[in-house]
Amino acid sequence: MNSNFNASSDTLSITLTGDLIGGADAMKFATDLRETLNAQAVKSVGLNAAGVGFVNSSGLGMLIAARQTVQEHGAEFRLEQPGEQLRNLLSVTKLTEILGAA
């Protein structure tokens, strides 16, 4: 998994690509997200998942943890452009609304 952070004014855009399967990539993402949110006050975070392939339960947990971190910093979290596999997973787990999937 790769992540790209782009902050502008009060918005943080994150683009994820690759498979979300947890592990070291998820830990790095969580650290990068916290550091970015601590360095800049943002009101909303959009996580673009158009380039995401396979997602397992650890990857889903990573997205839920990201939402929690963003909310703890007082910002709104949106999951944008989830692919078909992720959309299906969100639907089955009833997390579509919680993650703000658009």
Protein backbone atom coordinates (compact mmCIF):
# COMPACT_ATOMS: atom_id res chain seq x y z
CA MET A 1 0.00 0.00 0.00
CA ASN A 2 1.12 3.51 -0.77
CA SER A 3 -0.31 6.72 0.61
CA ASN A 4 0.00 10.29 -0.60
CA PHE A 5 -0.95 13.19 1.68
CA ASN A 6 -1.86 16.59 0.22
CA ALA A 7 -2.89 19.37 2.61
CA SER A 8 -4.36 22.64 1.40
CA SER A 9 -5.91 25.30 3.65
CA ASP A 10 -8.24 23.36 5.97
CA THR A 11 -8.56 20.17 3.88
CA LEU A 12 -6.39 17.07 3.83
CA SER A 13 -6.62 14.80 0.79
CA ILE A 14 -5.15 11.33 1.05
CA THR A 15 -4.78 8.95 -1.87
CA LEU A 16 -4.33 5.25 -1.16
CA THR A 17 -3.15 2.75 -3.75
CA GLY A 18 -2.47 -0.97 -3.55
CA ASP A 19 -3.84 -3.61 -1.21
CA LEU A 20 -4.96 -2.75 2.32
CA ILE A 21 -3.81 -5.72 4.37
CA GLY A 22 -2.44 -4.14 7.54
CA GLY A 23 1.09 -4.72 8.75
CA ALA A 24 3.94 -2.24 8.48
CA ASP A 25 2.18 -0.19 5.80
CA ALA A 26 -0.82 0.35 8.06
CA MET A 27 1.42 1.37 10.97
CA LYS A 28 3.29 3.87 8.77
CA PHE A 29 -0.02 5.26 7.47
CA ALA A 30 -1.35 5.73 11.01
CA THR A 31 1.84 7.52 12.07
CA ASP A 32 1.88 9.74 8.98
CA LEU A 33 -1.79 10.62 9.49
CA ARG A 34 -1.28 11.58 13.14
CA GLU A 35 1.81 13.65 12.33
CA THR A 36 0.02 15.48 9.51
CA LEU A 37 -3.04 16.22 11.67
CA ASN A 38 -0.82 17.45 14.52
CA ALA A 39 1.10 19.75 12.17
CA GLN A 40 -1.86 21.34 10.43
CA ALA A 41 -5.39 22.18 11.56
CA VAL A 42 -7.83 20.67 9.09
CA LYS A 43 -11.61 20.57 9.06
CA SER A 44 -12.05 17.70 6.64
CA VAL A 45 -10.12 14.68 5.44
CA GLY A 46 -10.97 12.95 2.18
CA LEU A 47 -9.44 9.53 1.65
CA ASN A 48 -9.49 8.57 -2.03
CA ALA A 49 -9.58 4.79 -2.36
CA ALA A 50 -10.00 4.55 -6.15
CA GLY A 51 -6.58 2.90 -6.47
CA VAL A 52 -7.14 0.36 -3.71
CA GLY A 53 -7.26 -3.30 -4.69
CA PHE A 54 -7.80 -6.06 -2.14
CA VAL A 55 -8.92 -5.17 1.40
CA ASN A 56 -8.86 -7.65 4.28
CA SER A 57 -10.11 -7.23 7.84
CA SER A 58 -6.86 -5.54 8.90
CA GLY A 59 -7.22 -3.04 6.06
CA LEU A 60 -10.79 -2.35 7.09
CA GLY A 61 -9.58 -1.82 10.65
CA MET A 62 -7.00 0.64 9.32
CA LEU A 63 -9.77 2.71 7.71
CA ILE A 64 -11.84 2.67 10.91
CA ALA A 65 -8.80 3.72 12.95
CA ALA A 66 -8.10 6.53 10.47
CA ARG A 67 -11.67 7.79 10.88
CA GLN A 68 -11.28 7.72 14.66
CA THR A 69 -7.98 9.61 14.52
CA VAL A 70 -9.45 12.26 12.23
CA GLN A 71 -12.49 12.72 14.48
CA GLU A 72 -10.27 12.99 17.57
CA HIS A 73 -8.63 15.97 15.81
CA GLY A 74 -12.06 17.57 15.29
CA ALA A 75 -12.25 16.98 11.54
CA GLU A 76 -14.75 15.27 9.27
CA PHE A 77 -13.74 12.01 7.55
CA ARG A 78 -14.92 10.86 4.10
CA LEU A 79 -13.98 7.73 2.19
CA GLU A 80 -14.07 8.64 -1.50
CA GLN A 81 -14.33 6.46 -4.60
CA PRO A 82 -14.04 3.02 -3.01
CA GLY A 83 -13.58 0.26 -5.58
CA GLU A 84 -16.08 -2.54 -6.02
CA GLN A 85 -14.46 -4.97 -3.56
CA LEU A 86 -14.22 -2.30 -0.86
CA ARG A 87 -17.78 -1.10 -1.51
CA ASN A 88 -19.03 -4.68 -1.12
CA LEU A 89 -17.04 -5.15 2.08
CA LEU A 90 -18.42 -1.90 3.50
CA SER A 91 -21.94 -2.96 2.60
CA VAL A 92 -21.62 -6.41 4.17
CA THR A 93 -20.12 -4.96 7.38
CA LYS A 94 -22.64 -2.09 7.48
CA LEU A 95 -19.82 0.49 7.56
CA THR A 96 -20.77 2.49 4.47
CA GLU A 97 -22.36 5.35 6.41
CA ILE A 98 -19.86 5.26 9.26
CA LEU A 99 -16.93 5.74 6.90
CA GLY A 100 -18.81 8.35 4.86
CA ALA A 101 -18.26 6.31 1.70
CA ALA A 102 -19.22 8.27 -1.39
